[in-house]
Amino acid sequence: MMNLKERQTRWKQEKAITPEKLALARVVLDEIINGAEPLEALRDNPLPGGGVLTKAALVAAYYEMTARGELAPDPALLARIRMKPIRTLSGVTTVTVLTKPYPCPGKCIFCPTDVRMPKSYLPDEPGAMRALEHEFDPYRQVRARIEALEALGHPTDKIELLILGGTWSAYRRDYQEWFIKRCFDAMNETERTETVEQEEKRNQGNVFANPNERCAPGELAAVQAANETAPHRNVGLVIETRPDEITPNELAWLRTLGVTKVQMGAQSLDDRILEMNQRGHTAAQTLQATALLRAAGFKIVLHWMPNLHGATPESDRTDFSRLWQGYCPDEIKIYPNQLLANAELYEVWKRGEYRPYTTEELIDLIADLKPTVPRYCRINRVIRDIPSTNVVEGNKRTSLRQDVHEEMKRRGTRCECIRCREVRGTQIESSSLRLDNLTYPAAYAQEHFLSFVTPDDRIAGFLRLSLPQANAPDTGMDDLRGAALIREVHVYGQSLPVGAEGNGAAQHIGLGTRLLQAAEHIAREHGFRRMAVIAAVGTRRYYLERGFERGALYLIKNL
């Protein structure tokens, strides 16, 4: 079995595109141009040492041949050889980065502990390996990911920045500001402007470089303003934290940073289970946190964990139903608890006081739960991407989502969550779409999930409109006083460059504008005279062009 260093070395070797690989890729590409299927052509031309070329090598050969004039640009060909087009079929390109290791206020018994990583992460998870490779430097992580995605043929002008690393709110605020500023530096550049060696030399004697990791006054606001017209615009900024860290002051700070979506570890909504697992907060605190986030317009992602210490499949079924009683997250991640040797739970298991569910039990449980998810929610994940070699006992399959879908197909049931109903790359006929308005109550707000739906019940685009009730928690932000809130506008389909047109692509038939008009009509009907939108930095101009004006932390429109 390879150790971590050997795995990282092999991972880097597999990513590298050598002249020899590029020459072979040209041969494979010629066969594909002449009608061969990409996977078949790759298998027919194996690497000398065994294995096959990556699709990144095919994309690199495509760009080389078009640059030399040997091949006319062919978007259809690029689409055929692009690796994992699903990564950008949601309409945006996600770039994930990790913060450096830092103490976490939580003492959860299920969390792994590794001094090399932020709390709850393992060094051999794919995203963590990339962070380690770049020593957790935000600029290098973002630049490397953008370059890798571009090498695979993905558009990168609309970036959702996903910042992972345990409890974001526990980090020093000067580090948070510096980290995000450096991420924006990377997105604002057309190409990498300095090598690692040049950056290290520049940082010598720089008061704002490591280990101080802080910005000069006004630097963050400046790079955010530049991003409004940058080559890689930030259309969403996501952090993860704990429910007991959410306060009005914290939310104002998150908006200053540009955050639009917050992931929180709810884990369970049963106080007995939370206490047994030493989670450190109550279900009531999670409900209050979701209410505050909603009142401030944030998109809400909750993590939910079946198979915690003290839970059973039946108690998990009951607990899952509580998610839709006031909490009403916009997205969820289902993270079955996994028994790891470097977690305190391991000792509980050794004493015979904890039993991991089998793979079959998990599939049966999640296949029961998935069809109950409301149509306004998206299931992002159903298992952590933890290599099976780390799991002591219980489920080791990372393909759990596919297994669950197979079981649901066998049962004749279906999931109606957003992810299962996205149009993705399907061509859209605008005249065939209907506008649905799914209204539901959440804690201290009436929610309207407006969506354009195809005749076969696929979602082409949606908008989340939140109408705060009189007893909604006070965020303390003047922008939001008396305002209806647009928390999200999302149009699906293959992510296309800004200004590009796609024949039948959902992103370019004006659905966003029509959704905004529908939201304004509903807000007026309910007596609201102003509207606020939680715009990401790179989407500000989209809303400004549609009648919104700049507020302190939000964009505002008088109705």
Protein backbone atom coordinates (compact mmCIF):
# COMPACT_ATOMS: atom_id res chain seq x y z
CA MET A 1 0.00 0.00 0.00
CA MET A 2 1.37 3.43 -0.99
CA ASN A 3 2.00 5.98 1.73
CA LEU A 4 0.78 9.58 1.41
CA LYS A 5 4.00 10.91 -0.16
CA GLU A 6 4.04 8.12 -2.76
CA ARG A 7 0.38 8.81 -3.59
CA GLN A 8 1.06 12.51 -4.02
CA THR A 9 4.08 11.81 -6.26
CA ARG A 10 2.07 9.45 -8.44
CA TRP A 11 -0.79 11.94 -8.58
CA LYS A 12 1.55 14.67 -9.88
CA GLN A 13 3.10 12.31 -12.46
CA GLU A 14 -0.32 11.35 -13.79
CA LYS A 15 -1.30 15.03 -14.17
CA ALA A 16 1.87 16.02 -16.05
CA ILE A 17 1.51 16.33 -19.85
CA THR A 18 4.91 15.50 -21.35
CA PRO A 19 5.90 15.99 -25.03
CA GLU A 20 5.58 12.22 -25.46
CA LYS A 21 2.02 12.25 -24.11
CA LEU A 22 1.17 15.22 -26.32
CA ALA A 23 2.41 13.39 -29.43
CA LEU A 24 0.30 10.36 -28.55
CA ALA A 25 -2.68 12.62 -27.86
CA ARG A 26 -2.44 14.02 -31.41
CA VAL A 27 -2.74 10.46 -32.76
CA VAL A 28 -5.76 9.77 -30.56
CA LEU A 29 -7.36 13.07 -31.52
CA ASP A 30 -6.96 12.28 -35.23
CA GLU A 31 -8.84 9.01 -34.69
CA ILE A 32 -11.64 10.82 -32.82
CA ILE A 33 -11.90 13.41 -35.62
CA ASN A 34 -12.28 10.50 -38.05
CA GLY A 35 -15.22 9.07 -36.10
CA ALA A 36 -13.78 6.97 -33.27
CA GLU A 37 -15.34 7.21 -29.80
CA PRO A 38 -12.99 9.03 -27.35
CA LEU A 39 -12.76 6.20 -24.81
CA GLU A 40 -12.27 3.63 -27.56
CA ALA A 41 -9.48 5.70 -29.17
CA LEU A 42 -7.78 6.14 -25.79
CA ARG A 43 -7.86 2.39 -25.10
CA ASP A 44 -6.53 1.61 -28.58
CA ASN A 45 -3.50 3.85 -27.95
CA PRO A 46 -2.20 2.98 -24.48
CA LEU A 47 0.76 4.67 -22.81
CA PRO A 48 4.08 2.82 -23.20
CA GLY A 49 4.23 2.00 -19.49
CA GLY A 50 0.59 0.97 -19.29
CA GLY A 51 -2.60 2.90 -18.69
CA VAL A 52 -4.21 5.47 -20.96
CA LEU A 53 -3.89 9.19 -21.60
CA THR A 54 -5.92 11.62 -19.57
CA LYS A 55 -8.52 13.70 -21.39
CA ALA A 56 -6.47 16.73 -20.31
CA ALA A 57 -3.82 15.57 -22.79
CA LEU A 58 -6.47 15.39 -25.54
CA VAL A 59 -7.63 18.93 -24.79
CA ALA A 60 -4.01 20.14 -24.79
CA ALA A 61 -3.47 18.52 -28.22
CA TYR A 62 -6.68 20.15 -29.48
CA TYR A 63 -5.51 23.62 -28.43
CA GLU A 64 -2.03 23.03 -29.91
CA MET A 65 -3.47 21.93 -33.26
CA THR A 66 -5.92 24.85 -33.45
CA ALA A 67 -3.17 27.32 -32.50
CA ARG A 68 -0.97 26.00 -35.32
CA GLY A 69 -3.81 26.19 -37.83
CA GLU A 70 -3.79 22.41 -38.31
CA LEU A 71 -7.37 22.18 -37.04
CA ALA A 72 -10.25 24.62 -37.27
CA PRO A 73 -11.80 25.48 -33.90
CA ASP A 74 -14.60 22.97 -33.30
CA PRO A 75 -16.69 23.45 -30.11
CA ALA A 76 -18.52 20.16 -30.73
CA LEU A 77 -15.22 18.26 -30.84
CA LEU A 78 -14.03 20.00 -27.68
CA ALA A 79 -17.27 19.03 -25.95
CA ARG A 80 -16.71 15.37 -26.91
CA ILE A 81 -13.23 15.21 -25.43
CA ARG A 82 -13.79 17.48 -22.43
CA MET A 83 -13.35 15.70 -19.11
CA LYS A 84 -16.38 15.65 -16.80
CA PRO A 85 -18.54 18.30 -18.49
CA ILE A 86 -20.95 17.86 -15.57
CA ARG A 87 -18.55 20.03 -13.53
CA THR A 88 -19.80 23.08 -15.41
CA LEU A 89 -23.27 21.96 -16.48
CA SER A 90 -24.73 23.68 -13.43
CA GLY A 91 -23.93 26.99 -15.12
CA VAL A 92 -20.85 27.90 -13.10
CA THR A 93 -17.38 26.47 -12.50
CA THR A 94 -16.56 25.57 -8.92
CA VAL A 95 -13.04 26.14 -7.58
CA THR A 96 -12.36 24.60 -4.17
CA VAL A 97 -9.59 25.78 -1.86
CA LEU A 98 -8.60 24.87 1.71
CA THR A 99 -7.51 27.11 4.54
CA LYS A 100 -4.43 26.23 6.57
CA PRO A 101 -4.60 23.98 9.68
CA TYR A 102 -6.05 25.97 12.58
CA PRO A 103 -7.64 25.13 15.95
CA CYS A 104 -11.39 24.37 15.82
CA PRO A 105 -13.72 25.24 18.70
CA GLY A 106 -15.54 21.93 18.21
CA LYS A 107 -14.73 18.73 20.10
CA CYS A 108 -16.85 16.34 18.01
CA ILE A 109 -15.97 12.70 18.64
CA PHE A 110 -16.50 11.72 14.98
CA CYS A 111 -14.06 14.29 13.54
CA PRO A 112 -10.64 13.06 12.35
CA THR A 113 -7.60 14.92 13.64
CA ASP A 114 -4.48 15.33 11.54
CA VAL A 115 -1.97 18.05 12.40
CA ARG A 116 -1.24 18.55 8.69
CA MET A 117 -4.83 19.50 7.86
CA PRO A 118 -7.71 21.76 8.94
CA LYS A 119 -10.06 20.03 11.38
CA SER A 120 -12.17 17.20 9.88
CA TYR A 121 -10.05 16.83 6.70
CA LEU A 122 -7.61 14.08 5.75
CA PRO A 123 -4.46 14.69 3.68
CA ASP A 124 -5.31 12.05 1.07
CA GLU A 125 -8.69 13.47 0.09
CA PRO A 126 -8.38 14.82 -3.50
CA GLY A 127 -9.04 18.49 -2.64
CA ALA A 128 -6.78 18.26 0.41
CA MET A 129 -3.95 16.81 -1.66
CA ARG A 130 -4.15 19.83 -3.98
CA ALA A 131 -4.05 22.17 -0.97
CA LEU A 132 -1.03 20.39 0.48
CA GLU A 133 0.74 20.55 -2.86
CA HIS A 134 0.39 24.35 -2.76
CA GLU A 135 1.07 24.66 0.99
CA PHE A 136 -2.46 26.03 1.54
CA ASP A 137 -1.55 29.22 -0.33
CA PRO A 138 -4.85 30.67 -1.62
CA TYR A 139 -3.40 32.34 -4.72
CA ARG A 140 -1.57 29.22 -5.86
CA GLN A 141 -4.57 26.96 -5.18
CA VAL A 142 -6.94 29.12 -7.23
CA ARG A 143 -4.52 29.68 -10.11
CA ALA A 144 -3.64 25.99 -10.34
CA ARG A 145 -7.29 24.96 -10.34
CA ILE A 146 -8.26 27.51 -12.99
CA GLU A 147 -5.37 26.38 -15.18
CA ALA A 148 -6.31 22.72 -14.70
CA LEU A 149 -9.95 23.38 -15.61
CA GLU A 150 -8.93 25.39 -18.68
CA ALA A 151 -6.63 22.55 -19.73
CA LEU A 152 -9.67 20.28 -19.63
CA GLY A 153 -11.63 22.62 -21.89
CA HIS A 154 -13.91 24.11 -19.23
CA PRO A 155 -14.90 27.80 -19.30
CA THR A 156 -13.62 29.58 -16.20
CA ASP A 157 -15.07 33.06 -16.46
CA LYS A 158 -17.82 32.36 -13.89
CA ILE A 159 -16.27 30.98 -10.71
CA GLU A 160 -18.02 29.80 -7.57
CA LEU A 161 -15.29 29.89 -4.93
CA LEU A 162 -15.76 27.18 -2.30
CA ILE A 163 -13.56 27.69 0.78
CA LEU A 164 -13.23 24.63 3.00
CA GLY A 165 -11.27 24.10 6.18
CA GLY A 166 -13.37 23.42 9.25
CA THR A 167 -14.82 26.44 11.06
CA TRP A 168 -14.15 29.56 8.96
CA SER A 169 -15.43 31.88 11.70
CA ALA A 170 -12.78 30.60 14.13
CA TYR A 171 -9.90 31.89 11.98
CA ARG A 172 -8.42 35.33 12.65
CA ARG A 173 -10.26 37.97 10.66
CA ASP A 174 -7.05 39.42 9.23
CA TYR A 175 -6.21 35.95 7.89
CA GLN A 176 -9.73 35.60 6.42
CA GLU A 177 -9.44 38.96 4.66
CA TRP A 178 -5.97 38.15 3.31
CA PHE A 179 -7.04 34.68 2.18
CA ILE A 180 -10.00 35.98 0.16
CA LYS A 181 -8.00 38.90 -1.20
CA ARG A 182 -5.40 36.47 -2.59
CA CYS A 183 -8.17 34.32 -4.10
CA PHE A 184 -9.47 37.43 -5.88
CA ASP A 185 -5.93 38.26 -7.03
CA ALA A 186 -5.84 34.87 -8.74
CA MET A 187 -9.27 35.29 -10.33
CA ASN A 188 -8.45 38.80 -11.55
CA GLU A 189 -5.48 37.69 -13.64
CA THR A 190 -5.67 36.40 -17.19
CA GLU A 191 -2.75 34.07 -16.45
CA ARG A 192 -0.37 33.36 -13.61
CA THR A 193 1.92 36.37 -13.31
CA GLU A 194 4.60 34.96 -11.08
CA THR A 195 6.26 31.64 -10.32
CA VAL A 196 6.32 30.20 -6.82
CA GLU A 197 9.99 31.21 -6.55
CA GLN A 198 9.23 34.80 -7.62
CA GLU A 199 6.38 35.00 -5.15
CA GLU A 200 8.57 33.75 -2.30
CA LYS A 201 11.25 36.30 -3.22
CA ARG A 202 8.66 39.09 -3.36
CA ASN A 203 7.35 38.07 0.05
CA GLN A 204 10.74 38.38 1.73
CA GLY A 205 10.57 41.40 4.00
CA ASN A 206 6.97 42.15 3.01
CA VAL A 207 5.01 43.04 6.14
CA PHE A 208 1.82 41.71 4.57
CA ALA A 209 3.26 38.32 3.56
CA ASN A 210 3.44 35.09 5.55
CA PRO A 211 3.42 34.58 8.44
CA ASN A 212 1.44 37.78 9.11
CA GLU A 213 -1.05 37.12 6.33
CA ARG A 214 -2.95 40.38 6.33
CA CYS A 215 -4.07 43.05 3.87
CA ALA A 216 -3.33 46.73 3.72
CA PRO A 217 -6.42 48.92 4.29
CA GLY A 218 -8.65 49.02 1.22
CA GLU A 219 -6.89 46.17 -0.62
CA LEU A 220 -9.80 43.74 -0.44
CA ALA A 221 -12.35 46.30 -1.67
CA ALA A 222 -10.02 47.18 -4.55
CA VAL A 223 -9.61 43.61 -5.80
CA GLN A 224 -13.36 43.05 -5.42
CA ALA A 225 -14.09 46.11 -7.57
CA ALA A 226 -11.60 44.86 -10.17
CA ASN A 227 -13.33 41.47 -10.24
CA GLU A 228 -16.55 43.02 -11.55
CA THR A 229 -14.93 43.05 -14.99
CA ALA A 230 -12.21 40.42 -14.45
CA PRO A 231 -11.52 37.42 -16.71
CA HIS A 232 -12.68 35.05 -13.94
CA ARG A 233 -15.65 36.67 -12.21
CA ASN A 234 -16.70 35.45 -8.79
CA VAL A 235 -20.39 34.50 -9.03
CA GLY A 236 -20.58 32.84 -5.62
CA LEU A 237 -18.43 32.67 -2.49
CA VAL A 238 -18.99 29.84 0.00
CA ILE A 239 -17.57 29.27 3.47
CA GLU A 240 -18.31 26.62 6.11
CA THR A 241 -18.85 27.25 9.80
CA ARG A 242 -20.78 26.15 12.89
CA PRO A 243 -24.33 27.23 13.87
CA ASP A 244 -23.10 28.67 17.16
CA GLU A 245 -20.80 31.07 15.27
CA ILE A 246 -23.65 32.83 13.44
CA THR A 247 -24.43 36.31 14.80
CA PRO A 248 -25.56 39.58 13.16
CA ASN A 249 -22.02 40.93 13.50
CA GLU A 250 -20.58 37.81 11.84
CA LEU A 251 -23.03 38.06 8.95
CA ALA A 252 -22.10 41.69 8.26
CA TRP A 253 -18.44 40.63 8.21
CA LEU A 254 -19.18 37.79 5.80
CA ARG A 255 -20.89 40.23 3.46
CA THR A 256 -17.87 42.53 3.62
CA LEU A 257 -15.78 39.59 2.46
CA GLY A 258 -18.23 38.88 -0.38
CA VAL A 259 -19.70 35.65 0.98
CA THR A 260 -23.06 34.62 -0.53
CA LYS A 261 -23.53 31.03 0.70
CA VAL A 262 -22.87 29.44 4.11
CA GLN A 263 -22.41 25.75 4.81
CA MET A 264 -23.13 24.68 8.38
CA GLY A 265 -22.68 21.35 10.10
CA ALA A 266 -26.10 20.65 11.58
CA GLN A 267 -25.11 16.95 11.78
CA SER A 268 -28.28 16.12 13.76
CA LEU A 269 -31.41 17.92 14.92
CA ASP A 270 -31.73 15.71 18.02
CA ASP A 271 -30.22 17.28 21.16
CA ARG A 272 -29.55 13.86 22.69
CA ILE A 273 -27.48 12.80 19.67
CA LEU A 274 -25.70 16.15 19.54
CA GLU A 275 -24.69 15.82 23.19
CA MET A 276 -23.54 12.20 22.85
CA ASN A 277 -21.27 13.25 19.98
CA GLN A 278 -20.01 16.35 21.84
CA ARG A 279 -21.13 18.60 19.04
CA GLY A 280 -21.20 21.67 21.32
CA HIS A 281 -24.46 23.29 20.14
CA THR A 282 -28.17 22.54 20.21
CA ALA A 283 -30.80 22.06 17.51
CA ALA A 284 -32.36 25.36 18.63
CA GLN A 285 -29.08 27.13 17.85
CA THR A 286 -29.07 25.59 14.38
CA LEU A 287 -32.64 26.83 13.81
CA GLN A 288 -31.72 30.32 14.99
CA ALA A 289 -28.64 30.33 12.74
CA THR A 290 -30.66 29.34 9.66
CA ALA A 291 -33.24 32.04 10.49
CA LEU A 292 -30.52 34.69 10.77
CA LEU A 293 -28.85 33.57 7.54
CA ARG A 294 -32.17 33.65 5.72
CA ALA A 295 -33.00 37.11 7.09
CA ALA A 296 -29.64 38.29 5.71
CA GLY A 297 -30.28 36.72 2.29
CA PHE A 298 -27.63 34.00 2.42
CA LYS A 299 -28.04 30.68 0.68
CA ILE A 300 -28.09 27.94 3.31
CA VAL A 301 -26.38 24.54 3.05
CA LEU A 302 -26.77 22.10 5.95
CA HIS A 303 -24.63 19.01 6.51
CA TRP A 304 -26.57 16.09 7.95
CA MET A 305 -24.93 12.93 9.30
CA PRO A 306 -26.70 9.59 9.68
CA ASN A 307 -25.14 6.86 11.83
CA LEU A 308 -23.84 9.19 14.56
CA HIS A 309 -23.11 7.68 17.97
CA GLY A 310 -26.47 6.87 19.57
CA ALA A 311 -28.48 6.94 16.32
CA THR A 312 -30.32 4.11 14.59
CA PRO A 313 -31.70 3.90 11.04
CA GLU A 314 -35.18 4.59 12.43
CA SER A 315 -34.08 7.60 14.50
CA ASP A 316 -32.24 8.91 11.44
CA ARG A 317 -35.44 8.71 9.38
CA THR A 318 -37.23 10.77 12.01
CA ASP A 319 -34.35 13.22 12.29
CA PHE A 320 -34.17 13.80 8.54
CA SER A 321 -37.83 14.85 8.46
CA ARG A 322 -37.02 17.67 10.92
CA LEU A 323 -34.89 19.38 8.26
CA TRP A 324 -38.07 20.58 6.54
CA GLN A 325 -39.67 21.95 9.73
CA GLY A 326 -38.46 25.54 9.91
CA TYR A 327 -34.83 24.90 8.95
CA CYS A 328 -35.67 24.39 5.25
CA PRO A 329 -32.10 24.42 3.83
CA ASP A 330 -31.61 25.36 0.19
CA GLU A 331 -29.03 22.59 -0.22
CA ILE A 332 -27.93 19.64 1.88
CA LYS A 333 -24.95 17.34 2.06
CA ILE A 334 -25.63 13.89 3.45
CA TYR A 335 -22.44 12.73 5.12
CA PRO A 336 -22.84 9.26 6.67
CA ASN A 337 -20.59 9.02 9.71
CA GLN A 338 -17.41 7.11 8.84
CA LEU A 339 -15.34 5.37 11.50
CA LEU A 340 -11.75 6.65 11.30
CA ALA A 341 -8.82 5.56 13.45
CA ASN A 342 -7.77 9.13 14.29
CA ALA A 343 -11.17 10.15 15.71
CA GLU A 344 -12.28 9.83 19.33
CA LEU A 345 -15.22 7.72 18.16
CA TYR A 346 -12.72 4.94 17.39
CA GLU A 347 -12.24 4.36 21.14
CA VAL A 348 -16.03 4.26 21.64
CA TRP A 349 -16.23 1.60 18.91
CA LYS A 350 -13.42 -0.43 20.48
CA ARG A 351 -15.45 -0.53 23.73
CA GLY A 352 -18.36 -2.00 21.77
CA GLU A 353 -20.55 1.09 22.26
CA TYR A 354 -20.87 2.09 18.59
CA ARG A 355 -21.73 0.13 15.43
CA PRO A 356 -21.23 1.54 11.91
CA TYR A 357 -24.06 0.84 9.46
CA THR A 358 -23.33 -1.61 6.66
CA THR A 359 -23.35 -0.42 3.06
CA GLU A 360 -26.68 -2.18 2.56
CA GLU A 361 -28.22 -0.41 5.58
CA LEU A 362 -27.03 2.97 4.31
CA ILE A 363 -28.36 2.38 0.80
CA ASP A 364 -31.73 1.31 2.21
CA LEU A 365 -31.85 4.37 4.51
CA ILE A 366 -30.89 6.98 1.92
CA ALA A 367 -33.15 5.41 -0.71
CA ASP A 368 -35.98 5.97 1.77
CA LEU A 369 -34.97 9.59 2.44
CA LYS A 370 -34.15 10.90 -1.02
CA PRO A 371 -37.74 10.87 -2.38
CA THR A 372 -38.86 12.96 0.63
CA VAL A 373 -36.58 15.92 -0.18
CA PRO A 374 -38.64 18.99 -1.21
CA ARG A 375 -38.38 20.32 -4.75
CA TYR A 376 -36.77 23.57 -3.54
CA CYS A 377 -33.71 21.76 -2.11
CA ARG A 378 -30.61 20.38 -3.83
CA ILE A 379 -28.72 17.32 -2.54
CA ASN A 380 -25.09 18.19 -3.27
CA ARG A 381 -23.42 15.09 -1.83
CA VAL A 382 -24.39 11.78 -0.25
CA ILE A 383 -20.96 10.80 1.09
CA ARG A 384 -17.58 12.37 1.88
CA ASP A 385 -14.77 11.76 -0.59
CA ILE A 386 -12.66 9.95 2.02
CA PRO A 387 -10.44 7.16 0.59
CA SER A 388 -11.69 3.76 1.76
CA THR A 389 -8.26 2.91 3.20
CA ASN A 390 -9.02 5.32 6.07
CA VAL A 391 -12.32 3.67 7.03
CA VAL A 392 -11.96 1.13 9.85
CA GLU A 393 -15.36 -0.56 9.61
CA GLY A 394 -18.67 0.06 7.87
CA ASN A 395 -19.36 1.43 4.41
CA LYS A 396 -16.28 2.02 2.26
CA ARG A 397 -17.99 2.74 -1.04
CA THR A 398 -17.65 6.29 -2.35
CA SER A 399 -20.16 5.57 -5.16
CA LEU A 400 -23.04 5.60 -2.69
CA ARG A 401 -25.13 8.06 -4.72
CA GLN A 402 -25.11 5.73 -7.73
CA ASP A 403 -25.92 2.76 -5.49
CA VAL A 404 -28.88 4.64 -4.00
CA HIS A 405 -30.17 5.62 -7.44
CA GLU A 406 -30.01 1.98 -8.54
CA GLU A 407 -32.01 0.96 -5.47
CA MET A 408 -34.60 3.68 -6.11
CA LYS A 409 -34.89 2.56 -9.73
CA ARG A 410 -35.50 -0.98 -8.50
CA ARG A 411 -38.21 0.31 -6.15
CA GLY A 412 -39.78 2.56 -8.77
CA THR A 413 -39.26 5.75 -6.71
CA ARG A 414 -37.62 9.02 -7.74
CA CYS A 415 -35.94 11.99 -6.15
CA GLU A 416 -37.30 15.44 -7.00
CA CYS A 417 -34.44 17.50 -5.58
CA ILE A 418 -32.98 20.23 -7.77
CA ARG A 419 -29.87 18.23 -8.69
CA CYS A 420 -31.96 15.39 -10.04
CA ARG A 421 -34.08 17.79 -12.14
CA GLU A 422 -31.47 20.15 -13.64
CA VAL A 423 -31.60 20.47 -17.43
CA ARG A 424 -27.77 20.52 -17.56
CA GLY A 425 -26.76 20.37 -21.24
CA THR A 426 -30.24 19.81 -22.69
CA GLN A 427 -31.34 22.34 -25.28
CA ILE A 428 -34.28 24.47 -24.19
CA GLU A 429 -37.26 25.78 -26.12
CA SER A 430 -38.21 28.97 -24.28
CA SER A 431 -41.86 28.91 -25.34
CA SER A 432 -42.36 25.46 -23.78
CA LEU A 433 -41.30 26.51 -20.26
CA ARG A 434 -43.79 27.11 -17.47
CA LEU A 435 -43.18 29.29 -14.42
CA ASP A 436 -43.80 27.52 -11.11
CA ASN A 437 -44.11 29.30 -7.77
CA LEU A 438 -43.53 26.86 -4.91
CA THR A 439 -44.37 28.68 -1.67
CA TYR A 440 -43.36 27.25 1.70
CA PRO A 441 -42.91 28.49 5.28
CA ALA A 442 -39.47 28.65 6.90
CA ALA A 443 -38.55 30.05 10.31
CA TYR A 444 -39.75 33.70 10.31
CA ALA A 445 -40.07 33.95 6.52
CA GLN A 446 -42.30 33.01 3.62
CA GLU A 447 -40.22 31.49 0.83
CA HIS A 448 -41.03 31.54 -2.87
CA PHE A 449 -39.11 29.12 -5.08
CA LEU A 450 -39.72 30.41 -8.61
CA SER A 451 -38.60 28.05 -11.36
CA PHE A 452 -38.87 27.68 -15.11
CA VAL A 453 -39.71 24.05 -15.79
CA THR A 454 -39.67 22.04 -19.01
CA PRO A 455 -42.58 19.81 -20.13
CA ASP A 456 -40.69 16.79 -18.73
CA ASP A 457 -40.29 18.51 -15.32
CA ARG A 458 -36.66 19.62 -15.64
CA ILE A 459 -35.51 22.90 -14.08
CA ALA A 460 -34.03 25.42 -16.52
CA GLY A 461 -33.58 28.19 -13.96
CA PHE A 462 -34.82 29.31 -10.56
CA LEU A 463 -34.94 32.20 -8.10
CA ARG A 464 -35.23 32.15 -4.32
CA LEU A 465 -37.36 34.98 -2.96
CA SER A 466 -37.62 35.40 0.81
CA LEU A 467 -40.32 37.56 2.39
CA PRO A 468 -39.35 38.23 6.03
CA GLN A 469 -42.16 38.11 8.60
CA ALA A 470 -42.65 40.73 11.30
CA ASN A 471 -40.88 38.54 13.88
CA ALA A 472 -37.82 37.82 11.68
CA PRO A 473 -34.50 38.24 13.52
CA ASP A 474 -32.87 41.64 13.18
CA THR A 475 -29.69 41.48 11.14
CA GLY A 476 -28.72 45.04 12.06
CA MET A 477 -28.05 45.88 8.40
CA ASP A 478 -29.79 48.98 7.04
CA ASP A 479 -29.79 47.64 3.47
CA LEU A 480 -32.32 45.00 4.51
CA ARG A 481 -34.83 47.02 6.51
CA GLY A 482 -38.30 46.47 5.04
CA ALA A 483 -36.89 44.67 2.00
CA ALA A 484 -37.90 41.50 0.23
CA LEU A 485 -34.80 39.39 -0.36
CA ILE A 486 -33.55 37.70 -3.50
CA ARG A 487 -31.25 35.03 -2.12
CA GLU A 488 -30.32 33.28 -5.36
CA VAL A 489 -30.81 33.44 -9.11
CA HIS A 490 -29.50 30.44 -10.99
CA VAL A 491 -29.91 29.44 -14.64
CA TYR A 492 -28.73 26.00 -15.67
CA GLY A 493 -26.95 24.62 -18.71
CA GLN A 494 -23.33 24.27 -19.76
CA SER A 495 -21.39 27.24 -18.42
CA LEU A 496 -20.69 29.56 -21.34
CA PRO A 497 -18.27 32.48 -21.51
CA VAL A 498 -19.65 35.91 -20.65
CA GLY A 499 -21.30 37.31 -23.78
CA ALA A 500 -21.29 33.97 -25.61
CA GLU A 501 -24.44 32.56 -27.14
CA GLY A 502 -25.46 28.93 -27.07
CA ASN A 503 -28.13 27.55 -29.38
CA GLY A 504 -30.92 26.60 -27.00
CA ALA A 505 -28.72 27.03 -23.93
CA ALA A 506 -30.79 27.92 -20.86
CA GLN A 507 -28.22 30.48 -19.74
CA HIS A 508 -28.83 32.74 -22.73
CA ILE A 509 -32.58 33.01 -23.30
CA GLY A 510 -33.31 35.70 -20.72
CA LEU A 511 -34.65 33.48 -17.96
CA GLY A 512 -32.81 35.41 -15.23
CA THR A 513 -34.45 38.70 -16.19
CA ARG A 514 -37.90 37.07 -16.34
CA LEU A 515 -37.40 35.50 -12.90
CA LEU A 516 -36.45 38.91 -11.45
CA GLN A 517 -39.59 40.45 -12.92
CA ALA A 518 -41.74 37.71 -11.41
CA ALA A 519 -40.09 38.18 -8.00
CA GLU A 520 -40.72 41.95 -8.10
CA HIS A 521 -44.40 41.33 -8.85
CA ILE A 522 -44.76 38.96 -5.88
CA ALA A 523 -42.91 41.32 -3.53
CA ARG A 524 -45.22 44.20 -4.51
CA GLU A 525 -48.30 42.03 -4.02
CA HIS A 526 -47.14 41.34 -0.45
CA GLY A 527 -46.67 45.02 0.33
CA PHE A 528 -42.89 45.32 0.00
CA ARG A 529 -41.64 48.61 -1.43
CA ARG A 530 -37.99 47.69 -1.82
CA MET A 531 -35.94 44.66 -2.72
CA ALA A 532 -32.39 43.60 -1.80
CA VAL A 533 -30.24 41.02 -3.55
CA ILE A 534 -27.20 39.27 -2.06
CA ALA A 535 -25.06 39.68 -5.16
CA ALA A 536 -21.68 38.04 -5.53
CA VAL A 537 -18.91 40.45 -6.51
CA GLY A 538 -18.79 39.25 -10.11
CA THR A 539 -22.58 39.48 -10.57
CA ARG A 540 -23.03 43.05 -9.29
CA ARG A 541 -23.13 44.55 -12.79
CA TYR A 542 -25.79 42.07 -13.90
CA TYR A 543 -28.14 43.48 -11.27
CA LEU A 544 -27.03 47.08 -11.75
CA GLU A 545 -28.04 46.75 -15.40
CA ARG A 546 -31.51 45.65 -14.23
CA GLY A 547 -32.35 48.63 -12.06
CA PHE A 548 -30.61 47.82 -8.78
CA GLU A 549 -28.35 50.30 -6.99
CA ARG A 550 -25.38 49.83 -4.72
CA GLY A 551 -26.10 49.74 -0.99
CA ALA A 552 -23.58 49.25 1.79
CA LEU A 553 -23.43 45.43 1.55
CA TYR A 554 -26.28 44.54 -0.83
CA LEU A 555 -27.76 45.80 -4.07
CA ILE A 556 -31.09 47.59 -3.57
CA LYS A 557 -34.07 48.37 -5.78
CA ASN A 558 -37.10 50.50 -4.93
CA LEU A 559 -40.30 48.91 -6.18
